[in-house]
Amino acid sequence: MSQRVFFFIKVAVALILLSLIFFTVELGDIWEALKTARFSLIIFGVALMPVNLFLQIFKWRYLVGLVHPKVTWNETYGSLLAGISFGIITPGRIGEYSRSLFIKDVPPLKLVGLTVIDKFYNLGCTVAFGLPALMTLPWANQLISGYMFVSMMILIFIINGILLWAAIDPRPVRSLIYALQMMFPRKDHIARLLGGLDRFSAPQARKTLVLSLLHYTVFHLQYFFLISGFAKIDFFSSLRAAAAILFTKSALPIAIGDLGLDQHISMQFFGEFGVADSAAFNASILMFTANILIPALIGVLFVSRLQQREKYQEKIQ
């Protein structure tokens, strides 16, 4: 199935989910929540958007710098934002791997390998915190019996231990991957893909982990300020709901930019803590706008500017 078909499917899913929301939430309730919002908290939440974005850019520049020390900030933020733009229109956000097309003097496959590392740490944080959060939501406690709950929490503890071990010291995993590559054809392609791992050892892994945790923390602070602008909720409850939301929508990449899906999940999970659907909807839409829509639009401008520059260079040559 072509990427264009996937794109239209994701757009259709987003529109259907958004339509279903408006059967559940009255537009008047959404407007009333906006009129009574505490805008000082909302401003704090929106103000964290550039912090969130800077941490992503800084981490990506650090990773690229392992194989290309002279990489510029312009290349770094441009490639990251372009990846976000392509990511929201592709299944599973595989378009984010297009970052490799916007950095010069580095083999694209090597940059794809670095993108895998970046996404592994992001996904690791999402799973490590999201699974326990999902399991401890009130509705989950009602559905899962005591013995099953204990068994699943033990399994989650083991999964988190493995993730932490791999995140702190990547050498055993790297050795395993290098051994497995010998079983596949086109070993030279795979070797280039894994080239980014050569300089990625324990010190680099720990720094990447810290940057990923900082980014994850800022995300939760952002969500807390935004949801608190529309409803009263304590930080721990907001943390549990937001972690579960991020995990669930990462596991179900079925709508463009998670639009519609994110709002449905937010209404469900924040509703477990007494937050009105209109408040959860408004906070979720603001998160989507600040963290996905605005960076994606900036990425489109970057790609457009780059294409114009290439056309100009072709003309003068």
C-alpha atoms as a PDB file:
ATOM      1  CA  MET A   1       0.000   0.000   0.000  1.00  0.00           C
ATOM      2  CA  SER A   2       1.426   3.382  -1.031  1.00  0.00           C
ATOM      3  CA  GLN A   3       2.264   6.162   1.402  1.00  0.00           C
ATOM      4  CA  ARG A   4      -0.398   8.343  -0.229  1.00  0.00           C
ATOM      5  CA  VAL A   5      -3.078   5.764   0.598  1.00  0.00           C
ATOM      6  CA  PHE A   6      -1.771   5.510   4.167  1.00  0.00           C
ATOM      7  CA  PHE A   7      -1.917   9.286   4.439  1.00  0.00           C
ATOM      8  CA  PHE A   8      -5.554   9.475   3.342  1.00  0.00           C
ATOM      9  CA  ILE A   9      -6.468   6.602   5.657  1.00  0.00           C
ATOM     10  CA  LYS A  10      -4.888   8.406   8.613  1.00  0.00           C
ATOM     11  CA  VAL A  11      -6.662  11.644   7.689  1.00  0.00           C
ATOM     12  CA  ALA A  12      -9.973   9.771   7.444  1.00  0.00           C
ATOM     13  CA  VAL A  13      -9.421   8.114  10.832  1.00  0.00           C
ATOM     14  CA  ALA A  14      -8.589  11.483  12.416  1.00  0.00           C
ATOM     15  CA  LEU A  15     -11.736  13.077  10.966  1.00  0.00           C
ATOM     16  CA  ILE A  16     -13.926  10.171  12.094  1.00  0.00           C
ATOM     17  CA  LEU A  17     -12.509  10.275  15.624  1.00  0.00           C
ATOM     18  CA  LEU A  18     -12.937  14.046  15.837  1.00  0.00           C
ATOM     19  CA  SER A  19     -16.524  13.703  14.600  1.00  0.00           C
ATOM     20  CA  LEU A  20     -17.231  11.115  17.290  1.00  0.00           C
ATOM     21  CA  ILE A  21     -15.844  13.491  19.922  1.00  0.00           C
ATOM     22  CA  PHE A  22     -18.419  16.127  19.026  1.00  0.00           C
ATOM     23  CA  PHE A  23     -21.164  13.565  19.609  1.00  0.00           C
ATOM     24  CA  THR A  24     -19.803  13.223  23.152  1.00  0.00           C
ATOM     25  CA  VAL A  25     -18.770  16.777  24.003  1.00  0.00           C
ATOM     26  CA  GLU A  26     -20.950  19.797  23.367  1.00  0.00           C
ATOM     27  CA  LEU A  27     -19.271  22.733  21.625  1.00  0.00           C
ATOM     28  CA  GLY A  28     -20.806  24.948  24.292  1.00  0.00           C
ATOM     29  CA  ASP A  29     -18.955  23.001  27.006  1.00  0.00           C
ATOM     30  CA  ILE A  30     -15.659  23.405  25.143  1.00  0.00           C
ATOM     31  CA  TRP A  31     -16.259  27.146  24.775  1.00  0.00           C
ATOM     32  CA  GLU A  32     -17.274  27.480  28.435  1.00  0.00           C
ATOM     33  CA  ALA A  33     -14.084  25.687  29.513  1.00  0.00           C
ATOM     34  CA  LEU A  34     -12.081  28.161  27.434  1.00  0.00           C
ATOM     35  CA  LYS A  35     -13.875  31.169  28.931  1.00  0.00           C
ATOM     36  CA  THR A  36     -13.258  30.008  32.513  1.00  0.00           C
ATOM     37  CA  ALA A  37      -9.690  28.789  31.927  1.00  0.00           C
ATOM     38  CA  ARG A  38      -6.760  29.936  34.043  1.00  0.00           C
ATOM     39  CA  PHE A  39      -4.667  31.424  31.271  1.00  0.00           C
ATOM     40  CA  SER A  40      -1.583  31.962  33.429  1.00  0.00           C
ATOM     41  CA  LEU A  41      -1.184  28.175  33.692  1.00  0.00           C
ATOM     42  CA  ILE A  42      -1.905  27.701  30.000  1.00  0.00           C
ATOM     43  CA  ILE A  43       0.786  30.269  29.150  1.00  0.00           C
ATOM     44  CA  PHE A  44       3.269  28.308  31.299  1.00  0.00           C
ATOM     45  CA  GLY A  45       2.376  25.140  29.408  1.00  0.00           C
ATOM     46  CA  VAL A  46       2.695  26.736  25.972  1.00  0.00           C
ATOM     47  CA  ALA A  47       5.960  28.439  27.011  1.00  0.00           C
ATOM     48  CA  LEU A  48       7.481  24.987  27.586  1.00  0.00           C
ATOM     49  CA  MET A  49       7.056  24.161  23.887  1.00  0.00           C
ATOM     50  CA  PRO A  50      10.398  25.733  22.826  1.00  0.00           C
ATOM     51  CA  VAL A  51      12.087  24.018  25.794  1.00  0.00           C
ATOM     52  CA  ASN A  52      10.635  20.692  24.672  1.00  0.00           C
ATOM     53  CA  LEU A  53      11.775  21.308  21.112  1.00  0.00           C
ATOM     54  CA  PHE A  54      15.241  22.512  22.135  1.00  0.00           C
ATOM     55  CA  LEU A  55      15.869  19.315  24.126  1.00  0.00           C
ATOM     56  CA  GLN A  56      14.959  17.221  21.081  1.00  0.00           C
ATOM     57  CA  ILE A  57      17.240  19.292  18.840  1.00  0.00           C
ATOM     58  CA  PHE A  58      20.088  19.231  21.374  1.00  0.00           C
ATOM     59  CA  LYS A  59      19.892  15.448  21.738  1.00  0.00           C
ATOM     60  CA  TRP A  60      19.774  14.940  17.968  1.00  0.00           C
ATOM     61  CA  ARG A  61      22.768  17.252  17.476  1.00  0.00           C
ATOM     62  CA  TYR A  62      24.664  15.333  20.142  1.00  0.00           C
ATOM     63  CA  LEU A  63      23.978  12.015  18.389  1.00  0.00           C
ATOM     64  CA  VAL A  64      24.856  13.330  14.931  1.00  0.00           C
ATOM     65  CA  GLY A  65      27.995  14.910  16.391  1.00  0.00           C
ATOM     66  CA  LEU A  66      29.284  11.432  17.227  1.00  0.00           C
ATOM     67  CA  VAL A  67      29.765  10.746  13.498  1.00  0.00           C
ATOM     68  CA  HIS A  68      29.887  14.317  12.144  1.00  0.00           C
ATOM     69  CA  PRO A  69      31.462  16.720  14.688  1.00  0.00           C
ATOM     70  CA  LYS A  70      31.132  19.699  12.325  1.00  0.00           C
ATOM     71  CA  VAL A  71      27.357  19.413  11.924  1.00  0.00           C
ATOM     72  CA  THR A  72      25.695  22.830  12.171  1.00  0.00           C
ATOM     73  CA  TRP A  73      22.745  23.841  14.324  1.00  0.00           C
ATOM     74  CA  ASN A  74      20.898  24.805  11.143  1.00  0.00           C
ATOM     75  CA  GLU A  75      21.252  21.293   9.734  1.00  0.00           C
ATOM     76  CA  THR A  76      20.302  19.754  13.063  1.00  0.00           C
ATOM     77  CA  TYR A  77      17.095  21.614  13.776  1.00  0.00           C
ATOM     78  CA  GLY A  78      16.129  21.597  10.096  1.00  0.00           C
ATOM     79  CA  SER A  79      16.483  17.831   9.773  1.00  0.00           C
ATOM     80  CA  LEU A  80      14.606  17.192  13.032  1.00  0.00           C
ATOM     81  CA  LEU A  81      11.689  19.458  12.091  1.00  0.00           C
ATOM     82  CA  ALA A  82      11.552  18.014   8.578  1.00  0.00           C
ATOM     83  CA  GLY A  83      11.400  14.557  10.150  1.00  0.00           C
ATOM     84  CA  ILE A  84       8.458  15.644  12.306  1.00  0.00           C
ATOM     85  CA  SER A  85       6.685  16.978   9.192  1.00  0.00           C
ATOM     86  CA  PHE A  86       7.093  13.706   7.312  1.00  0.00           C
ATOM     87  CA  GLY A  87       6.438  11.667  10.450  1.00  0.00           C
ATOM     88  CA  ILE A  88       2.879  12.832  11.033  1.00  0.00           C
ATOM     89  CA  ILE A  89       1.753  11.754   7.555  1.00  0.00           C
ATOM     90  CA  THR A  90       3.341   8.291   7.546  1.00  0.00           C
ATOM     91  CA  PRO A  91       2.282   5.071   9.332  1.00  0.00           C
ATOM     92  CA  GLY A  92       4.061   4.608  12.642  1.00  0.00           C
ATOM     93  CA  ARG A  93       5.832   7.936  12.008  1.00  0.00           C
ATOM     94  CA  ILE A  94       8.446   6.181   9.891  1.00  0.00           C
ATOM     95  CA  GLY A  95       8.767   9.466   8.017  1.00  0.00           C
ATOM     96  CA  GLU A  96      10.919  10.703  10.896  1.00  0.00           C
ATOM     97  CA  TYR A  97      13.750   8.665   9.408  1.00  0.00           C
ATOM     98  CA  SER A  98      13.836  11.205   6.572  1.00  0.00           C
ATOM     99  CA  ARG A  99      16.046  13.287   8.882  1.00  0.00           C
ATOM    100  CA  SER A 100      18.924  11.537   7.148  1.00  0.00           C
ATOM    101  CA  LEU A 101      18.190  13.412   3.911  1.00  0.00           C
ATOM    102  CA  PHE A 102      18.873  16.859   5.338  1.00  0.00           C
ATOM    103  CA  ILE A 103      22.388  16.504   6.757  1.00  0.00           C
ATOM    104  CA  LYS A 104      25.359  16.643   4.406  1.00  0.00           C
ATOM    105  CA  ASP A 105      28.624  14.707   4.464  1.00  0.00           C
ATOM    106  CA  VAL A 106      27.222  11.711   6.375  1.00  0.00           C
ATOM    107  CA  PRO A 107      25.973   8.464   4.770  1.00  0.00           C
ATOM    108  CA  PRO A 108      22.152   8.491   5.052  1.00  0.00           C
ATOM    109  CA  LEU A 109      22.049   4.938   6.396  1.00  0.00           C
ATOM    110  CA  LYS A 110      24.339   5.929   9.256  1.00  0.00           C
ATOM    111  CA  LEU A 111      21.955   8.766  10.161  1.00  0.00           C
ATOM    112  CA  VAL A 112      19.020   6.356   9.991  1.00  0.00           C
ATOM    113  CA  GLY A 113      20.860   4.253  12.579  1.00  0.00           C
ATOM    114  CA  LEU A 114      21.236   7.313  14.817  1.00  0.00           C
ATOM    115  CA  THR A 115      17.524   8.045  14.405  1.00  0.00           C
ATOM    116  CA  VAL A 116      16.798   4.504  15.595  1.00  0.00           C
ATOM    117  CA  ILE A 117      18.876   5.202  18.714  1.00  0.00           C
ATOM    118  CA  ASP A 118      17.033   8.480  19.319  1.00  0.00           C
ATOM    119  CA  LYS A 119      13.620   6.848  18.934  1.00  0.00           C
ATOM    120  CA  PHE A 120      14.638   3.885  21.106  1.00  0.00           C
ATOM    121  CA  TYR A 121      15.333   6.173  24.069  1.00  0.00           C
ATOM    122  CA  ASN A 122      12.107   8.105  23.532  1.00  0.00           C
ATOM    123  CA  LEU A 123      10.101   4.901  23.228  1.00  0.00           C
ATOM    124  CA  GLY A 124      11.915   3.406  26.215  1.00  0.00           C
ATOM    125  CA  CYS A 125      10.766   6.285  28.431  1.00  0.00           C
ATOM    126  CA  THR A 126       7.242   5.959  27.041  1.00  0.00           C
ATOM    127  CA  VAL A 127       7.081   2.230  27.820  1.00  0.00           C
ATOM    128  CA  ALA A 128       8.916   2.378  31.159  1.00  0.00           C
ATOM    129  CA  PHE A 129       6.551   4.972  32.621  1.00  0.00           C
ATOM    130  CA  GLY A 130       3.472   4.394  30.485  1.00  0.00           C
ATOM    131  CA  LEU A 131       2.891   0.713  31.233  1.00  0.00           C
ATOM    132  CA  PRO A 132       2.834   1.105  35.049  1.00  0.00           C
ATOM    133  CA  ALA A 133       0.680   4.228  34.674  1.00  0.00           C
ATOM    134  CA  LEU A 134      -1.809   2.373  32.476  1.00  0.00           C
ATOM    135  CA  MET A 135      -1.957  -0.539  34.907  1.00  0.00           C
ATOM    136  CA  THR A 136      -2.667   1.705  37.899  1.00  0.00           C
ATOM    137  CA  LEU A 137      -5.512   3.733  36.383  1.00  0.00           C
ATOM    138  CA  PRO A 138      -8.803   3.253  38.292  1.00  0.00           C
ATOM    139  CA  TRP A 139     -10.553   1.414  35.443  1.00  0.00           C
ATOM    140  CA  ALA A 140      -7.660  -1.050  35.137  1.00  0.00           C
ATOM    141  CA  ASN A 141      -7.861  -1.862  38.848  1.00  0.00           C
ATOM    142  CA  GLN A 142     -11.510  -2.789  38.384  1.00  0.00           C
ATOM    143  CA  LEU A 143     -10.837  -5.091  35.418  1.00  0.00           C
ATOM    144  CA  ILE A 144      -7.700  -6.877  36.621  1.00  0.00           C
ATOM    145  CA  SER A 145      -7.737  -9.263  39.570  1.00  0.00           C
ATOM    146  CA  GLY A 146      -5.157  -9.118  42.352  1.00  0.00           C
ATOM    147  CA  TYR A 147      -3.041 -12.085  41.204  1.00  0.00           C
ATOM    148  CA  MET A 148      -3.068 -10.970  37.580  1.00  0.00           C
ATOM    149  CA  PHE A 149      -2.154  -7.429  38.621  1.00  0.00           C
ATOM    150  CA  VAL A 150       0.840  -8.656  40.632  1.00  0.00           C
ATOM    151  CA  SER A 151       1.966 -10.903  37.760  1.00  0.00           C
ATOM    152  CA  MET A 152       1.713  -8.091  35.234  1.00  0.00           C
ATOM    153  CA  MET A 153       3.565  -5.646  37.489  1.00  0.00           C
ATOM    154  CA  ILE A 154       6.383  -8.190  37.888  1.00  0.00           C
ATOM    155  CA  LEU A 155       6.529  -8.539  34.097  1.00  0.00           C
ATOM    156  CA  ILE A 156       6.607  -4.744  33.716  1.00  0.00           C
ATOM    157  CA  PHE A 157       9.408  -4.561  36.295  1.00  0.00           C
ATOM    158  CA  ILE A 158      11.426  -7.079  34.253  1.00  0.00           C
ATOM    159  CA  ILE A 159      10.766  -5.190  30.993  1.00  0.00           C
ATOM    160  CA  ASN A 160      11.835  -1.915  32.587  1.00  0.00           C
ATOM    161  CA  GLY A 161      14.970  -3.558  33.955  1.00  0.00           C
ATOM    162  CA  ILE A 162      15.924  -4.793  30.483  1.00  0.00           C
ATOM    163  CA  LEU A 163      15.224  -1.368  28.967  1.00  0.00           C
ATOM    164  CA  LEU A 164      17.342   0.370  31.608  1.00  0.00           C
ATOM    165  CA  TRP A 165      20.185  -2.105  31.133  1.00  0.00           C
ATOM    166  CA  ALA A 166      20.148  -1.584  27.354  1.00  0.00           C
ATOM    167  CA  ALA A 167      19.890   2.203  27.763  1.00  0.00           C
ATOM    168  CA  ILE A 168      22.815   2.514  30.191  1.00  0.00           C
ATOM    169  CA  ASP A 169      25.256   0.151  28.477  1.00  0.00           C
ATOM    170  CA  PRO A 170      24.548  -0.572  24.787  1.00  0.00           C
ATOM    171  CA  ARG A 171      27.633  -2.741  24.246  1.00  0.00           C
ATOM    172  CA  PRO A 172      25.965  -6.176  24.694  1.00  0.00           C
ATOM    173  CA  VAL A 173      23.083  -5.183  22.409  1.00  0.00           C
ATOM    174  CA  ARG A 174      25.527  -3.760  19.865  1.00  0.00           C
ATOM    175  CA  SER A 175      27.540  -6.993  19.876  1.00  0.00           C
ATOM    176  CA  LEU A 176      24.359  -9.018  19.380  1.00  0.00           C
ATOM    177  CA  ILE A 177      23.263  -6.839  16.453  1.00  0.00           C
ATOM    178  CA  TYR A 178      26.674  -7.094  14.811  1.00  0.00           C
ATOM    179  CA  ALA A 179      26.539 -10.878  15.171  1.00  0.00           C
ATOM    180  CA  LEU A 180      23.034 -11.063  13.703  1.00  0.00           C
ATOM    181  CA  GLN A 181      23.931  -8.934  10.682  1.00  0.00           C
ATOM    182  CA  MET A 182      26.112 -11.768   9.387  1.00  0.00           C
ATOM    183  CA  MET A 183      22.927 -13.798   8.833  1.00  0.00           C
ATOM    184  CA  PHE A 184      21.449 -11.292   6.381  1.00  0.00           C
ATOM    185  CA  PRO A 185      22.274 -10.411   2.764  1.00  0.00           C
ATOM    186  CA  ARG A 186      23.625  -6.971   1.859  1.00  0.00           C
ATOM    187  CA  LYS A 187      25.887  -6.912   4.884  1.00  0.00           C
ATOM    188  CA  ASP A 188      27.511  -3.700   3.635  1.00  0.00           C
ATOM    189  CA  HIS A 189      24.167  -1.857   3.817  1.00  0.00           C
ATOM    190  CA  ILE A 190      23.532  -3.122   7.327  1.00  0.00           C
ATOM    191  CA  ALA A 191      27.080  -2.232   8.364  1.00  0.00           C
ATOM    192  CA  ARG A 192      26.504   1.374   7.234  1.00  0.00           C
ATOM    193  CA  LEU A 193      23.178   1.418   9.067  1.00  0.00           C
ATOM    194  CA  LEU A 194      24.939   0.323  12.242  1.00  0.00           C
ATOM    195  CA  GLY A 195      27.852   2.700  11.735  1.00  0.00           C
ATOM    196  CA  GLY A 196      26.383   5.158  14.224  1.00  0.00           C
ATOM    197  CA  LEU A 197      26.724   2.551  16.960  1.00  0.00           C
ATOM    198  CA  ASP A 198      30.519   2.434  16.713  1.00  0.00           C
ATOM    199  CA  ARG A 199      31.006   5.535  18.858  1.00  0.00           C
ATOM    200  CA  PHE A 200      27.926   4.996  20.982  1.00  0.00           C
ATOM    201  CA  SER A 201      29.187   3.441  24.219  1.00  0.00           C
ATOM    202  CA  ALA A 202      28.219   3.715  27.893  1.00  0.00           C
ATOM    203  CA  PRO A 203      29.122   7.430  28.421  1.00  0.00           C
ATOM    204  CA  GLN A 204      27.197   8.495  25.320  1.00  0.00           C
ATOM    205  CA  ALA A 205      24.300   6.228  26.253  1.00  0.00           C
ATOM    206  CA  ARG A 206      23.990   7.742  29.723  1.00  0.00           C
ATOM    207  CA  LYS A 207      24.004  11.288  28.380  1.00  0.00           C
ATOM    208  CA  THR A 208      21.351  10.342  25.819  1.00  0.00           C
ATOM    209  CA  LEU A 209      19.267   8.758  28.577  1.00  0.00           C
ATOM    210  CA  VAL A 210      19.475  11.910  30.717  1.00  0.00           C
ATOM    211  CA  LEU A 211      18.435  14.103  27.775  1.00  0.00           C
ATOM    212  CA  SER A 212      15.536  11.752  26.997  1.00  0.00           C
ATOM    213  CA  LEU A 213      14.354  11.824  30.611  1.00  0.00           C
ATOM    214  CA  LEU A 214      14.558  15.631  30.638  1.00  0.00           C
ATOM    215  CA  HIS A 215      12.474  15.794  27.476  1.00  0.00           C
ATOM    216  CA  TYR A 216       9.951  13.358  28.967  1.00  0.00           C
ATOM    217  CA  THR A 217       9.763  15.409  32.182  1.00  0.00           C
ATOM    218  CA  VAL A 218       9.143  18.646  30.281  1.00  0.00           C
ATOM    219  CA  PHE A 219       6.355  16.911  28.350  1.00  0.00           C
ATOM    220  CA  HIS A 220       4.613  16.001  31.614  1.00  0.00           C
ATOM    221  CA  LEU A 221       5.081  19.466  33.091  1.00  0.00           C
ATOM    222  CA  GLN A 222       3.601  20.897  29.922  1.00  0.00           C
ATOM    223  CA  TYR A 223       0.575  18.594  30.114  1.00  0.00           C
ATOM    224  CA  PHE A 224       0.101  19.341  33.828  1.00  0.00           C
ATOM    225  CA  PHE A 225       0.058  23.111  33.299  1.00  0.00           C
ATOM    226  CA  LEU A 226      -2.332  22.841  30.355  1.00  0.00           C
ATOM    227  CA  ILE A 227      -4.795  20.455  32.014  1.00  0.00           C
ATOM    228  CA  SER A 228      -4.623  22.495  35.244  1.00  0.00           C
ATOM    229  CA  GLY A 229      -5.626  25.530  33.219  1.00  0.00           C
ATOM    230  CA  PHE A 230      -8.999  23.891  32.610  1.00  0.00           C
ATOM    231  CA  ALA A 231      -9.526  21.609  35.625  1.00  0.00           C
ATOM    232  CA  LYS A 232      -8.281  20.868  39.130  1.00  0.00           C
ATOM    233  CA  ILE A 233      -5.996  17.844  39.262  1.00  0.00           C
ATOM    234  CA  ASP A 234      -2.949  16.972  41.343  1.00  0.00           C
ATOM    235  CA  PHE A 235       0.423  16.467  39.679  1.00  0.00           C
ATOM    236  CA  PHE A 236       0.673  12.722  40.399  1.00  0.00           C
ATOM    237  CA  SER A 237      -2.740  12.030  38.839  1.00  0.00           C
ATOM    238  CA  SER A 238      -1.824  14.160  35.823  1.00  0.00           C
ATOM    239  CA  LEU A 239       1.466  12.264  35.512  1.00  0.00           C
ATOM    240  CA  ARG A 240      -0.314   8.889  35.533  1.00  0.00           C
ATOM    241  CA  ALA A 241      -2.912   9.962  32.985  1.00  0.00           C
ATOM    242  CA  ALA A 242      -0.421  11.657  30.639  1.00  0.00           C
ATOM    243  CA  ALA A 243       2.042   8.735  30.775  1.00  0.00           C
ATOM    244  CA  ALA A 244      -0.774   6.305  29.945  1.00  0.00           C
ATOM    245  CA  ILE A 245      -1.957   8.569  27.105  1.00  0.00           C
ATOM    246  CA  LEU A 246       1.503   8.813  25.553  1.00  0.00           C
ATOM    247  CA  PHE A 247       1.991   5.036  25.758  1.00  0.00           C
ATOM    248  CA  THR A 248      -1.424   4.204  24.295  1.00  0.00           C
ATOM    249  CA  LYS A 249      -1.231   6.582  21.343  1.00  0.00           C
ATOM    250  CA  SER A 250       2.324   5.384  20.600  1.00  0.00           C
ATOM    251  CA  ALA A 251       0.967   1.834  20.433  1.00  0.00           C
ATOM    252  CA  LEU A 252      -1.896   2.909  18.122  1.00  0.00           C
ATOM    253  CA  PRO A 253      -0.479   5.198  15.390  1.00  0.00           C
ATOM    254  CA  ILE A 254      -3.708   5.160  13.383  1.00  0.00           C
ATOM    255  CA  ALA A 255      -4.458   8.865  12.835  1.00  0.00           C
ATOM    256  CA  ILE A 256      -2.479  11.734  11.338  1.00  0.00           C
ATOM    257  CA  GLY A 257      -0.458  13.302  14.136  1.00  0.00           C
ATOM    258  CA  ASP A 258      -2.594  11.221  16.555  1.00  0.00           C
ATOM    259  CA  LEU A 259      -5.295  13.854  16.027  1.00  0.00           C
ATOM    260  CA  GLY A 260      -8.641  12.590  17.276  1.00  0.00           C
ATOM    261  CA  LEU A 261      -7.091   9.525  18.903  1.00  0.00           C
ATOM    262  CA  ASP A 262      -5.156  11.662  21.383  1.00  0.00           C
ATOM    263  CA  GLN A 263      -8.296  13.572  22.347  1.00  0.00           C
ATOM    264  CA  HIS A 264     -10.363  10.395  22.818  1.00  0.00           C
ATOM    265  CA  ILE A 265      -7.714   8.810  25.032  1.00  0.00           C
ATOM    266  CA  SER A 266      -7.207  12.033  26.999  1.00  0.00           C
ATOM    267  CA  MET A 267     -10.928  12.308  27.712  1.00  0.00           C
ATOM    268  CA  GLN A 268     -11.000   8.690  28.878  1.00  0.00           C
ATOM    269  CA  PHE A 269      -7.890   8.697  31.066  1.00  0.00           C
ATOM    270  CA  PHE A 270      -8.204  12.162  32.595  1.00  0.00           C
ATOM    271  CA  GLY A 271     -11.876  11.396  33.131  1.00  0.00           C
ATOM    272  CA  GLU A 272     -10.752   8.688  35.549  1.00  0.00           C
ATOM    273  CA  PHE A 273      -9.622  11.523  37.836  1.00  0.00           C
ATOM    274  CA  GLY A 274     -12.780  13.595  37.547  1.00  0.00           C
ATOM    275  CA  VAL A 275     -11.639  15.879  34.719  1.00  0.00           C
ATOM    276  CA  ALA A 276     -14.456  16.990  32.403  1.00  0.00           C
ATOM    277  CA  ASP A 277     -14.295  15.863  28.771  1.00  0.00           C
ATOM    278  CA  SER A 278     -14.216  19.478  27.572  1.00  0.00           C
ATOM    279  CA  ALA A 279     -11.181  20.248  29.765  1.00  0.00           C
ATOM    280  CA  ALA A 280      -9.295  17.137  28.617  1.00  0.00           C
ATOM    281  CA  PHE A 281     -10.151  17.920  24.983  1.00  0.00           C
ATOM    282  CA  ASN A 282      -8.884  21.506  25.202  1.00  0.00           C
ATOM    283  CA  ALA A 283      -5.622  20.508  26.903  1.00  0.00           C
ATOM    284  CA  SER A 284      -5.026  17.748  24.362  1.00  0.00           C
ATOM    285  CA  ILE A 285      -5.648  20.049  21.384  1.00  0.00           C
ATOM    286  CA  LEU A 286      -3.179  22.576  22.804  1.00  0.00           C
ATOM    287  CA  MET A 287      -0.575  19.815  23.276  1.00  0.00           C
ATOM    288  CA  PHE A 288      -1.090  18.730  19.667  1.00  0.00           C
ATOM    289  CA  THR A 289      -0.769  22.305  18.406  1.00  0.00           C
ATOM    290  CA  ALA A 290       2.339  23.137  20.443  1.00  0.00           C
ATOM    291  CA  ASN A 291       4.286  19.888  20.093  1.00  0.00           C
ATOM    292  CA  ILE A 292       3.253  18.535  16.688  1.00  0.00           C
ATOM    293  CA  LEU A 293       1.448  21.025  14.458  1.00  0.00           C
ATOM    294  CA  ILE A 294       3.716  24.065  14.932  1.00  0.00           C
ATOM    295  CA  PRO A 295       7.023  22.106  14.618  1.00  0.00           C
ATOM    296  CA  ALA A 296       5.624  20.270  11.572  1.00  0.00           C
ATOM    297  CA  LEU A 297       4.673  23.546   9.873  1.00  0.00           C
ATOM    298  CA  ILE A 298       8.136  24.969  10.575  1.00  0.00           C
ATOM    299  CA  GLY A 299       9.574  21.759   9.108  1.00  0.00           C
ATOM    300  CA  VAL A 300       7.516  22.221   5.930  1.00  0.00           C
ATOM    301  CA  LEU A 301       8.938  25.742   5.569  1.00  0.00           C
ATOM    302  CA  PHE A 302      12.465  24.377   6.011  1.00  0.00           C
ATOM    303  CA  VAL A 303      11.950  21.688   3.351  1.00  0.00           C
ATOM    304  CA  SER A 304      10.410  24.227   0.968  1.00  0.00           C
ATOM    305  CA  ARG A 305      13.313  26.636   1.475  1.00  0.00           C
ATOM    306  CA  LEU A 306      15.823  23.833   0.911  1.00  0.00           C
ATOM    307  CA  GLN A 307      14.116  22.793  -2.333  1.00  0.00           C
ATOM    308  CA  GLN A 308      14.137  26.382  -3.589  1.00  0.00           C
ATOM    309  CA  ARG A 309      17.844  26.690  -2.770  1.00  0.00           C
ATOM    310  CA  GLU A 310      18.638  23.468  -4.657  1.00  0.00           C
ATOM    311  CA  LYS A 311      16.678  24.654  -7.708  1.00  0.00           C
ATOM    312  CA  TYR A 312      18.554  27.962  -7.623  1.00  0.00           C
ATOM    313  CA  GLN A 313      21.918  26.181  -7.431  1.00  0.00           C
ATOM    314  CA  GLU A 314      20.946  23.980 -10.390  1.00  0.00           C
ATOM    315  CA  LYS A 315      20.104  27.078 -12.441  1.00  0.00           C
ATOM    316  CA  ILE A 316      23.385  28.889 -11.755  1.00  0.00           C
ATOM    317  CA  GLN A 317      25.351  25.754 -12.576  1.00  0.00           C
END
